[in-house]
Structures are given as structure tokens and as C-alpha cells.
Amino acid sequence: MFTGIVESTGIVKAIIFNGSNRTFWISSPLSDQLKTDQSVSHSGVCLTVEEVRDGQHRITAIEETLKKSNLNDWVEGSLVNLERCLQMNGRLDGHLVQGHVDATGTCINRVEKEGSWEFEIEFPRRFAELIIEKGSVCLNGISLTAFDVKKKRFKVAIIPYTFEHTNLKSLEPGQSVNIEFDMIGKYLLRRLSLKD
């Protein structure tokens, strides 16, 4: 479980193709603090640390993860948002995030607003019921607030700190993002769907 508050960014140093899986070596300031079997959010995708060595850590994404996320777009040099799992003895600064990507969306607009930035994201229509005006949404592992919500689009506003300390600074129109919709909304929708 995560909060959507990015701790650090990492850089993809190597990619190894292994059947339908992809293994990534990530270099980051956090890597030496990680341990084997630890769950870490990588741009919103919960992945298990397999090895830590020389300021880098290794993770593997299986076929299902690759289908649901934008990890297929990663290349050597890609910037990755990192967050270690939530400790239950502290403040919850973002919102509850599982690290289970629901869909990928596409950035369709990026506007600088004299010190802040707005991104417009298009997403698959079937998820429209899971996002509300001023509701929480997780993009690339970042807890954000959605506004100007439409059936297949929404916007997020980014403060300078978040822009500078996450991979949103490199997000351009046409590129994909990992989206995790609010967990509470998913449970409510599921409950309503089971009513006779």
C-alpha cells in the first residue's frame, strides 16, 4: 500500500528481455536503502525488489503488468517515480494507493500556467464512473486531484515541487501515463453492481 507521494526518481539503466517478462535495473538514491522482497511503487506499479547492488535495484514485470501499464514504453534512461510502501505509523499525505494500475491514459495537453502546469489526460471510457470532480487519482504513482472531469478526459494541476521532483517534467502530449483510480470508488461501484 502506498500514498502517492513520490520519494525519489530513478533512471532505467538496463532492460533484460526474458520470455514475456522484462527485467529492469533502476539506479536511484533510494536503491541502496531497499532490500530484497520489498514492494516499491515504480511510476505507480507495485513491483518486488529482486536484488540490490551498487546503487541500483532489479525488478521484473510479468506479461499481465506489461499489458496494464506503460512499462513497455520504458527505455534505458527513462525517468521513474519511486515510493516505498506505506508505514502505518505516520501521516497519510496523499491517498490510499495499491500500486495496481487500472489503465493507461494519454497526455493530450500540457499547459504552463506561470509557475504551475496543467495536464489533460484521456483515458478509456469504461472507467468514467471511477473518477469525480475534485476526486483523487494516481498518475505514474503520484497522488493528484482531478478537475474538469469529462467522460473520457480530466485535468490535473501540478505545483512546482511535484513538477521538479517527479517524471511529470518529461511528460509530453502523446505519451502514456499509468492510472490508478480511487480504491474507495472501485469498492462502491462493485457493491452497487451486485445489488439485485
N, C-alpha and C. Protein backbone atom coordinates (compact mmCIF):
# COMPACT_ATOMS: atom_id res chain seq x y z
N MET A 1 0.84 -1.18 0.00
CA MET A 1 0.00 0.00 0.00
C MET A 1 0.88 1.24 0.00
N PHE A 2 0.45 2.25 -0.75
CA PHE A 2 1.25 3.46 -0.91
C PHE A 2 0.37 4.69 -0.67
N THR A 3 1.00 5.86 -0.75
CA THR A 3 0.26 7.11 -0.55
C THR A 3 0.21 7.98 -1.79
N GLY A 4 1.02 7.67 -2.80
CA GLY A 4 1.08 8.51 -3.97
C GLY A 4 1.96 9.73 -3.79
N ILE A 5 2.78 9.74 -2.74
CA ILE A 5 3.75 10.81 -2.52
C ILE A 5 5.12 10.28 -2.93
N VAL A 6 5.62 10.75 -4.05
CA VAL A 6 6.86 10.23 -4.62
C VAL A 6 8.05 10.62 -3.74
N GLU A 7 8.88 9.64 -3.40
CA GLU A 7 10.06 9.89 -2.57
C GLU A 7 11.28 10.30 -3.38
N SER A 8 11.41 9.71 -4.57
CA SER A 8 12.60 9.94 -5.36
C SER A 8 12.30 9.51 -6.79
N THR A 9 13.18 9.88 -7.69
CA THR A 9 13.10 9.34 -9.04
C THR A 9 14.31 8.45 -9.27
N GLY A 10 14.17 7.54 -10.19
CA GLY A 10 15.26 6.67 -10.59
C GLY A 10 15.39 6.69 -12.10
N ILE A 11 16.46 6.12 -12.58
CA ILE A 11 16.71 6.06 -14.02
C ILE A 11 16.87 4.59 -14.42
N VAL A 12 16.19 4.21 -15.49
CA VAL A 12 16.34 2.85 -16.03
C VAL A 12 17.74 2.74 -16.63
N LYS A 13 18.53 1.81 -16.08
CA LYS A 13 19.91 1.62 -16.54
C LYS A 13 20.06 0.46 -17.51
N ALA A 14 19.22 -0.56 -17.38
CA ALA A 14 19.30 -1.71 -18.28
C ALA A 14 17.96 -2.42 -18.32
N ILE A 15 17.66 -3.02 -19.46
CA ILE A 15 16.43 -3.79 -19.65
C ILE A 15 16.82 -5.15 -20.20
N ILE A 16 16.32 -6.20 -19.55
CA ILE A 16 16.60 -7.56 -19.98
C ILE A 16 15.28 -8.23 -20.37
N PHE A 17 15.20 -8.73 -21.59
CA PHE A 17 14.01 -9.42 -22.07
C PHE A 17 14.15 -10.91 -21.74
N ASN A 18 13.12 -11.44 -21.07
CA ASN A 18 13.17 -12.80 -20.56
C ASN A 18 11.84 -13.48 -20.87
N GLY A 19 11.70 -14.08 -22.04
CA GLY A 19 10.40 -14.62 -22.44
C GLY A 19 9.42 -13.48 -22.59
N SER A 20 8.27 -13.58 -21.92
CA SER A 20 7.27 -12.49 -21.96
C SER A 20 7.50 -11.46 -20.85
N ASN A 21 8.52 -11.66 -20.04
CA ASN A 21 8.83 -10.73 -18.94
C ASN A 21 9.88 -9.72 -19.35
N ARG A 22 9.94 -8.62 -18.59
CA ARG A 22 11.02 -7.66 -18.73
C ARG A 22 11.61 -7.38 -17.36
N THR A 23 12.92 -7.46 -17.27
CA THR A 23 13.63 -7.14 -16.04
C THR A 23 14.32 -5.79 -16.23
N PHE A 24 14.20 -4.94 -15.20
CA PHE A 24 14.76 -3.60 -15.26
C PHE A 24 15.76 -3.41 -14.12
N TRP A 25 16.89 -2.79 -14.42
CA TRP A 25 17.80 -2.31 -13.40
C TRP A 25 17.57 -0.81 -13.27
N ILE A 26 17.27 -0.36 -12.05
CA ILE A 26 16.97 1.04 -11.76
C ILE A 26 18.04 1.61 -10.85
N SER A 27 18.58 2.76 -11.21
CA SER A 27 19.55 3.47 -10.36
C SER A 27 18.84 4.64 -9.70
N SER A 28 18.95 4.75 -8.37
CA SER A 28 18.28 5.84 -7.66
C SER A 28 18.94 6.08 -6.32
N PRO A 29 18.68 7.24 -5.71
CA PRO A 29 19.18 7.50 -4.36
C PRO A 29 18.59 6.54 -3.32
N LEU A 30 17.43 5.94 -3.63
CA LEU A 30 16.79 5.00 -2.70
C LEU A 30 17.31 3.57 -2.81
N SER A 31 17.92 3.25 -3.94
CA SER A 31 18.24 1.84 -4.23
C SER A 31 19.02 1.16 -3.13
N ASP A 32 20.04 1.80 -2.59
CA ASP A 32 20.85 1.17 -1.54
C ASP A 32 20.09 0.99 -0.23
N GLN A 33 18.96 1.69 -0.07
CA GLN A 33 18.15 1.57 1.15
C GLN A 33 17.11 0.45 1.04
N LEU A 34 16.95 -0.09 -0.16
CA LEU A 34 15.96 -1.14 -0.38
C LEU A 34 16.51 -2.50 0.00
N LYS A 35 15.60 -3.45 0.16
CA LYS A 35 16.02 -4.82 0.44
C LYS A 35 15.22 -5.78 -0.42
N THR A 36 15.78 -6.93 -0.63
CA THR A 36 15.13 -7.97 -1.43
C THR A 36 13.76 -8.30 -0.85
N ASP A 37 12.77 -8.50 -1.71
CA ASP A 37 11.38 -8.83 -1.37
C ASP A 37 10.55 -7.61 -0.97
N GLN A 38 11.13 -6.42 -0.98
CA GLN A 38 10.39 -5.22 -0.62
C GLN A 38 9.52 -4.78 -1.80
N SER A 39 8.30 -4.31 -1.49
CA SER A 39 7.41 -3.76 -2.52
C SER A 39 7.69 -2.28 -2.68
N VAL A 40 7.88 -1.86 -3.92
CA VAL A 40 8.17 -0.47 -4.23
C VAL A 40 7.31 -0.05 -5.42
N SER A 41 6.70 1.14 -5.33
CA SER A 41 5.95 1.68 -6.45
C SER A 41 6.92 2.29 -7.45
N HIS A 42 6.82 1.82 -8.70
CA HIS A 42 7.63 2.32 -9.81
C HIS A 42 6.68 2.99 -10.79
N SER A 43 6.60 4.32 -10.72
CA SER A 43 5.65 5.08 -11.55
C SER A 43 4.24 4.51 -11.43
N GLY A 44 3.88 4.16 -10.20
CA GLY A 44 2.53 3.68 -9.91
C GLY A 44 2.34 2.19 -9.99
N VAL A 45 3.37 1.44 -10.34
CA VAL A 45 3.28 -0.02 -10.46
C VAL A 45 4.02 -0.65 -9.28
N CYS A 46 3.31 -1.43 -8.49
CA CYS A 46 3.92 -2.11 -7.36
C CYS A 46 4.73 -3.30 -7.88
N LEU A 47 6.05 -3.25 -7.64
CA LEU A 47 6.95 -4.31 -8.10
C LEU A 47 7.87 -4.73 -6.96
N THR A 48 8.29 -5.97 -6.97
CA THR A 48 9.12 -6.54 -5.92
C THR A 48 10.60 -6.37 -6.23
N VAL A 49 11.34 -5.88 -5.26
CA VAL A 49 12.79 -5.75 -5.41
C VAL A 49 13.40 -7.15 -5.38
N GLU A 50 14.15 -7.49 -6.41
CA GLU A 50 14.75 -8.82 -6.52
C GLU A 50 16.21 -8.83 -6.12
N GLU A 51 16.89 -7.71 -6.31
CA GLU A 51 18.31 -7.63 -5.99
C GLU A 51 18.69 -6.17 -5.84
N VAL A 52 19.64 -5.90 -4.94
CA VAL A 52 20.18 -4.56 -4.75
C VAL A 52 21.70 -4.65 -4.90
N ARG A 53 22.27 -3.77 -5.75
CA ARG A 53 23.71 -3.85 -5.99
C ARG A 53 24.23 -2.52 -6.55
N ASP A 54 25.25 -1.97 -5.92
CA ASP A 54 25.97 -0.80 -6.45
C ASP A 54 25.06 0.37 -6.80
N GLY A 55 24.17 0.72 -5.87
CA GLY A 55 23.30 1.87 -6.09
C GLY A 55 22.18 1.64 -7.09
N GLN A 56 21.92 0.35 -7.41
CA GLN A 56 20.85 0.00 -8.33
C GLN A 56 20.02 -1.13 -7.73
N HIS A 57 18.78 -1.24 -8.19
CA HIS A 57 17.97 -2.39 -7.79
C HIS A 57 17.29 -2.98 -9.03
N ARG A 58 16.97 -4.28 -8.91
CA ARG A 58 16.41 -5.02 -10.04
C ARG A 58 14.97 -5.39 -9.75
N ILE A 59 14.11 -5.23 -10.76
CA ILE A 59 12.70 -5.60 -10.67
C ILE A 59 12.32 -6.32 -11.96
N THR A 60 11.26 -7.11 -11.91
CA THR A 60 10.76 -7.77 -13.11
C THR A 60 9.27 -7.53 -13.24
N ALA A 61 8.84 -7.19 -14.45
CA ALA A 61 7.43 -7.05 -14.77
C ALA A 61 7.00 -8.22 -15.64
N ILE A 62 5.93 -8.90 -15.22
CA ILE A 62 5.41 -10.02 -16.00
C ILE A 62 4.44 -9.51 -17.06
N GLU A 63 3.99 -10.42 -17.91
CA GLU A 63 3.16 -10.06 -19.06
C GLU A 63 1.91 -9.27 -18.65
N GLU A 64 1.22 -9.70 -17.61
CA GLU A 64 0.00 -9.01 -17.17
C GLU A 64 0.28 -7.56 -16.78
N THR A 65 1.38 -7.34 -16.07
CA THR A 65 1.77 -5.98 -15.68
C THR A 65 2.11 -5.14 -16.91
N LEU A 66 2.82 -5.73 -17.84
CA LEU A 66 3.18 -5.01 -19.06
C LEU A 66 1.96 -4.62 -19.89
N LYS A 67 0.93 -5.47 -19.89
CA LYS A 67 -0.30 -5.17 -20.62
C LYS A 67 -1.07 -4.01 -20.01
N LYS A 68 -1.05 -3.90 -18.68
CA LYS A 68 -1.88 -2.92 -17.97
C LYS A 68 -1.20 -1.58 -17.74
N SER A 69 0.09 -1.49 -18.00
CA SER A 69 0.85 -0.30 -17.63
C SER A 69 1.65 0.23 -18.83
N ASN A 70 2.40 1.28 -18.59
CA ASN A 70 3.23 1.83 -19.67
C ASN A 70 4.69 1.37 -19.57
N LEU A 71 4.94 0.29 -18.86
CA LEU A 71 6.31 -0.20 -18.71
C LEU A 71 6.92 -0.64 -20.04
N ASN A 72 6.07 -1.00 -21.02
CA ASN A 72 6.58 -1.32 -22.35
C ASN A 72 7.24 -0.12 -23.02
N ASP A 73 6.88 1.08 -22.56
CA ASP A 73 7.46 2.31 -23.14
C ASP A 73 8.82 2.65 -22.54
N TRP A 74 9.17 2.00 -21.41
CA TRP A 74 10.44 2.33 -20.77
C TRP A 74 11.61 1.93 -21.65
N VAL A 75 12.59 2.82 -21.70
CA VAL A 75 13.84 2.56 -22.41
C VAL A 75 14.98 2.93 -21.45
N GLU A 76 16.19 2.56 -21.79
CA GLU A 76 17.32 2.99 -20.97
C GLU A 76 17.33 4.51 -20.91
N GLY A 77 17.41 5.05 -19.70
CA GLY A 77 17.37 6.49 -19.50
C GLY A 77 16.01 7.01 -19.07
N SER A 78 14.96 6.18 -19.13
CA SER A 78 13.63 6.63 -18.69
C SER A 78 13.66 7.01 -17.22
N LEU A 79 12.92 8.06 -16.88
CA LEU A 79 12.81 8.54 -15.50
C LEU A 79 11.61 7.87 -14.84
N VAL A 80 11.82 7.31 -13.65
CA VAL A 80 10.80 6.52 -12.95
C VAL A 80 10.55 7.12 -11.58
N ASN A 81 9.26 7.31 -11.23
CA ASN A 81 8.90 7.78 -9.89
C ASN A 81 8.95 6.60 -8.92
N LEU A 82 9.52 6.82 -7.73
CA LEU A 82 9.68 5.75 -6.74
C LEU A 82 9.06 6.13 -5.41
N GLU A 83 8.36 5.17 -4.81
CA GLU A 83 7.83 5.32 -3.45
C GLU A 83 7.88 3.98 -2.75
N ARG A 84 8.48 3.97 -1.56
CA ARG A 84 8.44 2.76 -0.75
C ARG A 84 7.05 2.60 -0.13
N CYS A 85 6.76 1.39 0.33
CA CYS A 85 5.42 1.10 0.87
C CYS A 85 5.13 1.94 2.11
N LEU A 86 3.85 2.12 2.35
CA LEU A 86 3.34 2.93 3.46
C LEU A 86 3.69 2.30 4.80
N GLN A 87 4.17 3.13 5.72
CA GLN A 87 4.33 2.70 7.12
C GLN A 87 3.08 3.16 7.86
N MET A 88 2.49 2.29 8.63
CA MET A 88 1.21 2.60 9.26
C MET A 88 1.34 3.44 10.53
N ASN A 89 2.52 3.99 10.78
CA ASN A 89 2.72 4.81 11.98
C ASN A 89 2.95 6.28 11.64
N GLY A 90 2.56 6.68 10.42
CA GLY A 90 2.80 8.07 10.02
C GLY A 90 1.57 8.67 9.37
N ARG A 91 1.73 9.91 8.89
CA ARG A 91 0.65 10.62 8.25
C ARG A 91 0.42 10.09 6.83
N LEU A 92 -0.81 10.10 6.41
CA LEU A 92 -1.17 9.71 5.05
C LEU A 92 -1.32 11.00 4.25
N ASP A 93 -0.23 11.42 3.60
CA ASP A 93 -0.22 12.72 2.93
C ASP A 93 -0.96 12.72 1.59
N GLY A 94 -1.05 11.60 0.92
CA GLY A 94 -1.74 11.55 -0.37
C GLY A 94 -3.10 10.89 -0.20
N HIS A 95 -3.29 9.74 -0.84
CA HIS A 95 -4.48 8.92 -0.62
C HIS A 95 -4.05 7.46 -0.73
N LEU A 96 -4.94 6.54 -0.36
CA LEU A 96 -4.58 5.12 -0.38
C LEU A 96 -4.41 4.65 -1.82
N VAL A 97 -3.22 4.15 -2.12
CA VAL A 97 -2.85 3.70 -3.46
C VAL A 97 -2.32 2.28 -3.35
N GLN A 98 -2.81 1.39 -4.20
CA GLN A 98 -2.38 -0.01 -4.14
C GLN A 98 -1.17 -0.30 -5.00
N GLY A 99 -0.93 0.51 -6.00
CA GLY A 99 0.14 0.18 -6.96
C GLY A 99 -0.33 -0.81 -8.00
N HIS A 100 -1.65 -0.91 -8.16
CA HIS A 100 -2.25 -1.80 -9.16
C HIS A 100 -2.87 -0.92 -10.24
N VAL A 101 -2.19 -0.77 -11.35
CA VAL A 101 -2.63 0.13 -12.41
C VAL A 101 -3.91 -0.39 -13.05
N ASP A 102 -4.90 0.51 -13.18
CA ASP A 102 -6.17 0.14 -13.80
C ASP A 102 -6.12 0.27 -15.32
N ALA A 103 -5.40 1.28 -15.80
CA ALA A 103 -5.36 1.55 -17.23
C ALA A 103 -4.22 2.51 -17.51
N THR A 104 -3.90 2.62 -18.78
CA THR A 104 -3.01 3.71 -19.18
C THR A 104 -3.87 4.79 -19.83
N GLY A 105 -3.43 6.01 -19.67
CA GLY A 105 -4.07 7.15 -20.31
C GLY A 105 -3.05 7.83 -21.20
N THR A 106 -3.50 8.82 -21.94
CA THR A 106 -2.62 9.56 -22.83
C THR A 106 -2.68 11.04 -22.48
N CYS A 107 -1.53 11.64 -22.34
CA CYS A 107 -1.46 13.09 -22.16
C CYS A 107 -1.85 13.73 -23.48
N ILE A 108 -2.90 14.56 -23.46
CA ILE A 108 -3.33 15.21 -24.71
C ILE A 108 -3.06 16.71 -24.70
N ASN A 109 -2.69 17.24 -23.53
CA ASN A 109 -2.36 18.66 -23.48
C ASN A 109 -1.52 18.95 -22.24
N ARG A 110 -0.58 19.87 -22.41
CA ARG A 110 0.27 20.32 -21.31
C ARG A 110 0.38 21.84 -21.43
N VAL A 111 -0.02 22.53 -20.36
CA VAL A 111 -0.04 23.99 -20.39
C VAL A 111 0.71 24.53 -19.19
N GLU A 112 1.68 25.41 -19.44
CA GLU A 112 2.35 26.09 -18.34
C GLU A 112 1.51 27.28 -17.92
N LYS A 113 1.29 27.43 -16.61
CA LYS A 113 0.39 28.47 -16.09
C LYS A 113 1.15 29.46 -15.21
N GLU A 114 2.29 29.95 -15.68
CA GLU A 114 3.09 30.93 -14.95
C GLU A 114 3.45 30.44 -13.55
N GLY A 115 4.09 29.29 -13.49
CA GLY A 115 4.56 28.76 -12.21
C GLY A 115 3.93 27.44 -11.84
N SER A 116 2.87 27.05 -12.50
CA SER A 116 2.30 25.72 -12.31
C SER A 116 2.01 25.14 -13.69
N TRP A 117 1.58 23.90 -13.73
CA TRP A 117 1.33 23.23 -15.00
C TRP A 117 0.00 22.51 -14.93
N GLU A 118 -0.70 22.47 -16.05
CA GLU A 118 -1.91 21.66 -16.18
C GLU A 118 -1.69 20.60 -17.24
N PHE A 119 -2.09 19.38 -16.91
CA PHE A 119 -2.04 18.30 -17.87
C PHE A 119 -3.46 17.80 -18.08
N GLU A 120 -3.82 17.55 -19.34
CA GLU A 120 -5.10 16.93 -19.64
C GLU A 120 -4.83 15.50 -20.07
N ILE A 121 -5.57 14.59 -19.46
CA ILE A 121 -5.35 13.16 -19.67
C ILE A 121 -6.61 12.53 -20.27
N GLU A 122 -6.42 11.76 -21.33
CA GLU A 122 -7.53 10.99 -21.90
C GLU A 122 -7.39 9.55 -21.43
N PHE A 123 -8.52 8.92 -21.09
CA PHE A 123 -8.49 7.56 -20.55
C PHE A 123 -9.63 6.75 -21.16
N PRO A 124 -9.59 5.42 -21.06
CA PRO A 124 -10.66 4.59 -21.62
C PRO A 124 -12.02 4.89 -20.98
N ARG A 125 -13.03 5.06 -21.82
CA ARG A 125 -14.38 5.46 -21.39
C ARG A 125 -14.95 4.53 -20.32
N ARG A 126 -14.60 3.26 -20.34
CA ARG A 126 -15.19 2.30 -19.39
C ARG A 126 -14.85 2.61 -17.93
N PHE A 127 -13.88 3.50 -17.69
CA PHE A 127 -13.50 3.87 -16.33
C PHE A 127 -14.14 5.18 -15.87
N ALA A 128 -15.05 5.74 -16.67
CA ALA A 128 -15.61 7.07 -16.38
C ALA A 128 -16.28 7.16 -15.01
N GLU A 129 -16.89 6.07 -14.56
CA GLU A 129 -17.60 6.10 -13.27
C GLU A 129 -16.65 6.14 -12.08
N LEU A 130 -15.36 5.93 -12.32
CA LEU A 130 -14.41 5.85 -11.22
C LEU A 130 -13.67 7.16 -10.95
N ILE A 131 -14.03 8.22 -11.65
CA ILE A 131 -13.35 9.49 -11.42
C ILE A 131 -14.37 10.60 -11.28
N ILE A 132 -14.18 11.43 -10.26
CA ILE A 132 -15.12 12.51 -9.98
C ILE A 132 -14.38 13.84 -9.85
N GLU A 133 -15.13 14.92 -10.01
CA GLU A 133 -14.58 16.25 -9.84
C GLU A 133 -14.00 16.41 -8.44
N LYS A 134 -12.76 16.86 -8.37
CA LYS A 134 -12.02 17.05 -7.12
C LYS A 134 -11.75 15.74 -6.38
N GLY A 135 -11.84 14.62 -7.09
CA GLY A 135 -11.53 13.32 -6.50
C GLY A 135 -10.07 12.98 -6.69
N SER A 136 -9.60 11.99 -5.96
CA SER A 136 -8.20 11.55 -6.04
C SER A 136 -8.00 10.63 -7.24
N VAL A 137 -6.85 10.79 -7.87
CA VAL A 137 -6.44 9.91 -8.95
C VAL A 137 -4.92 9.79 -8.85
N CYS A 138 -4.39 8.64 -9.23
CA CYS A 138 -2.95 8.40 -9.16
C CYS A 138 -2.41 8.29 -10.58
N LEU A 139 -1.50 9.20 -10.95
CA LEU A 139 -0.85 9.19 -12.27
C LEU A 139 0.63 8.91 -12.09
N ASN A 140 1.12 7.87 -12.72
CA ASN A 140 2.53 7.48 -12.59
C ASN A 140 2.97 7.42 -11.13
N GLY A 141 2.05 6.97 -10.27
CA GLY A 141 2.38 6.83 -8.86
C GLY A 141 2.25 8.10 -8.05
N ILE A 142 1.68 9.17 -8.62
CA ILE A 142 1.57 10.46 -7.94
C ILE A 142 0.12 10.70 -7.56
N SER A 143 -0.15 10.95 -6.29
CA SER A 143 -1.49 11.28 -5.83
C SER A 143 -1.83 12.70 -6.27
N LEU A 144 -2.90 12.82 -7.07
CA LEU A 144 -3.31 14.11 -7.61
C LEU A 144 -4.81 14.28 -7.50
N THR A 145 -5.27 15.51 -7.70
CA THR A 145 -6.70 15.83 -7.67
C THR A 145 -7.17 16.12 -9.08
N ALA A 146 -8.23 15.43 -9.49
CA ALA A 146 -8.78 15.61 -10.84
C ALA A 146 -9.76 16.77 -10.86
N PHE A 147 -9.77 17.50 -11.97
CA PHE A 147 -10.79 18.53 -12.16
C PHE A 147 -11.14 18.60 -13.64
N ASP A 148 -12.20 19.36 -13.95
CA ASP A 148 -12.71 19.45 -15.32
C ASP A 148 -12.90 18.05 -15.89
N VAL A 149 -13.57 17.21 -15.10
CA VAL A 149 -13.74 15.79 -15.45
C VAL A 149 -14.82 15.62 -16.51
N LYS A 150 -14.48 14.94 -17.58
CA LYS A 150 -15.41 14.60 -18.66
C LYS A 150 -15.53 13.08 -18.75
N LYS A 151 -16.27 12.59 -19.73
CA LYS A 151 -16.47 11.15 -19.86
C LYS A 151 -15.18 10.40 -20.14
N LYS A 152 -14.27 11.01 -20.90
CA LYS A 152 -13.02 10.33 -21.24
C LYS A 152 -11.79 11.18 -20.97
N ARG A 153 -11.95 12.28 -20.26
CA ARG A 153 -10.83 13.19 -20.02
C ARG A 153 -10.92 13.83 -18.65
N PHE A 154 -9.79 14.20 -18.11
CA PHE A 154 -9.75 15.02 -16.91
C PHE A 154 -8.44 15.79 -16.92
N LYS A 155 -8.37 16.79 -16.04
CA LYS A 155 -7.16 17.59 -15.90
C LYS A 155 -6.61 17.46 -14.50
N VAL A 156 -5.32 17.68 -14.37
CA VAL A 156 -4.66 17.78 -13.07
C VAL A 156 -3.77 19.02 -13.10
N ALA A 157 -3.67 19.68 -11.95
CA ALA A 157 -2.80 20.84 -11.82
C ALA A 157 -1.59 20.43 -10.99
N ILE A 158 -0.42 20.85 -11.43
CA ILE A 158 0.84 20.40 -10.82
C ILE A 158 1.59 21.60 -10.24
N ILE A 159 1.91 21.50 -8.96
CA ILE A 159 2.69 22.56 -8.31
C ILE A 159 4.16 22.42 -8.69
N PRO A 160 4.94 23.48 -8.54
CA PRO A 160 6.35 23.41 -8.95
C PRO A 160 7.14 22.28 -8.29
N TYR A 161 6.92 22.03 -7.00
CA TYR A 161 7.68 20.97 -6.31
C TYR A 161 7.44 19.62 -6.97
N THR A 162 6.17 19.29 -7.20
CA THR A 162 5.84 18.00 -7.82
C THR A 162 6.41 17.91 -9.23
N PHE A 163 6.31 19.01 -9.98
CA PHE A 163 6.83 19.03 -11.34
C PHE A 163 8.33 18.75 -11.36
N GLU A 164 9.07 19.37 -10.46
CA GLU A 164 10.52 19.24 -10.45
C GLU A 164 11.01 17.90 -9.89
N HIS A 165 10.22 17.27 -9.01
CA HIS A 165 10.68 16.07 -8.31
C HIS A 165 10.03 14.77 -8.79
N THR A 166 9.34 14.81 -9.93
CA THR A 166 8.73 13.60 -10.49
C THR A 166 9.00 13.56 -11.99
N ASN A 167 8.54 12.47 -12.62
CA ASN A 167 8.75 12.36 -14.06
C ASN A 167 7.71 13.12 -14.87
N LEU A 168 6.82 13.88 -14.21
CA LEU A 168 5.88 14.70 -14.97
C LEU A 168 6.59 15.80 -15.76
N LYS A 169 7.76 16.18 -15.31
CA LYS A 169 8.50 17.22 -16.04
C LYS A 169 8.85 16.77 -17.45
N SER A 170 8.89 15.46 -17.69
CA SER A 170 9.22 14.97 -19.03
C SER A 170 7.99 14.46 -19.78
N LEU A 171 6.79 14.62 -19.20
CA LEU A 171 5.57 14.14 -19.86
C LEU A 171 5.11 15.14 -20.92
N GLU A 172 4.99 14.65 -22.14
CA GLU A 172 4.59 15.48 -23.28
C GLU A 172 3.32 14.91 -23.90
N PRO A 173 2.54 15.76 -24.59
CA PRO A 173 1.36 15.24 -25.29
C PRO A 173 1.70 14.06 -26.20
N GLY A 174 0.84 13.07 -26.16
CA GLY A 174 1.05 11.84 -26.94
C GLY A 174 1.66 10.71 -26.14
N GLN A 175 2.25 11.02 -24.98
CA GLN A 175 2.86 9.98 -24.16
C GLN A 175 1.84 9.38 -23.20
N SER A 176 2.10 8.15 -22.79
CA SER A 176 1.17 7.44 -21.92
C SER A 176 1.53 7.60 -20.45
N VAL A 177 0.52 7.46 -19.59
CA VAL A 177 0.70 7.50 -18.14
C VAL A 177 -0.04 6.33 -17.52
N ASN A 178 0.47 5.86 -16.39
CA ASN A 178 -0.23 4.83 -15.62
C ASN A 178 -1.29 5.50 -14.77
N ILE A 179 -2.51 4.94 -14.78
CA ILE A 179 -3.60 5.49 -13.98
C ILE A 179 -4.10 4.43 -13.01
N GLU A 180 -4.19 4.82 -11.74
CA GLU A 180 -4.90 4.01 -10.75
C GLU A 180 -6.01 4.88 -10.19
N PHE A 181 -7.25 4.43 -10.38
CA PHE A 181 -8.39 5.17 -9.88
C PHE A 181 -8.58 4.90 -8.39
N ASP A 182 -9.34 5.76 -7.74
CA ASP A 182 -9.51 5.71 -6.29
C ASP A 182 -10.10 4.36 -5.85
N MET A 183 -9.45 3.73 -4.89
CA MET A 183 -9.86 2.40 -4.43
C MET A 183 -11.26 2.41 -3.81
N ILE A 184 -11.58 3.44 -3.07
CA ILE A 184 -12.90 3.52 -2.43
C ILE A 184 -13.99 3.57 -3.49
N GLY A 185 -13.76 4.34 -4.54
CA GLY A 185 -14.72 4.41 -5.64
C GLY A 185 -14.92 3.05 -6.30
N LYS A 186 -13.84 2.28 -6.43
CA LYS A 186 -13.95 0.96 -7.05
C LYS A 186 -14.79 0.02 -6.20
N TYR A 187 -14.58 0.07 -4.88
CA TYR A 187 -15.38 -0.79 -3.99
C TYR A 187 -16.85 -0.39 -4.00
N LEU A 188 -17.13 0.91 -4.02
CA LEU A 188 -18.53 1.37 -4.06
C LEU A 188 -19.21 0.94 -5.36
N LEU A 189 -18.53 1.10 -6.46
CA LEU A 189 -19.09 0.72 -7.74
C LEU A 189 -19.35 -0.78 -7.79
N ARG A 190 -18.43 -1.56 -7.26
CA ARG A 190 -18.61 -3.01 -7.22
C ARG A 190 -19.82 -3.39 -6.37
N ARG A 191 -19.98 -2.75 -5.23
CA ARG A 191 -21.11 -3.02 -4.34
C ARG A 191 -22.44 -2.72 -5.03
N LEU A 192 -22.48 -1.58 -5.70
CA LEU A 192 -23.71 -1.19 -6.40
C LEU A 192 -24.02 -2.15 -7.54
N SER A 193 -23.01 -2.68 -8.19
CA SER A 193 -23.23 -3.58 -9.32
C SER A 193 -23.79 -4.93 -8.86
N LEU A 194 -23.63 -5.26 -7.59
CA LEU A 194 -24.11 -6.55 -7.08
C LEU A 194 -25.52 -6.50 -6.53
N LYS A 195 -26.10 -5.30 -6.46
CA LYS A 195 -27.48 -5.18 -5.97
C LYS A 195 -28.44 -5.78 -6.99
N ASP A 196 -29.44 -6.52 -6.49
CA ASP A 196 -30.44 -7.14 -7.38
C ASP A 196 -31.55 -6.15 -7.70
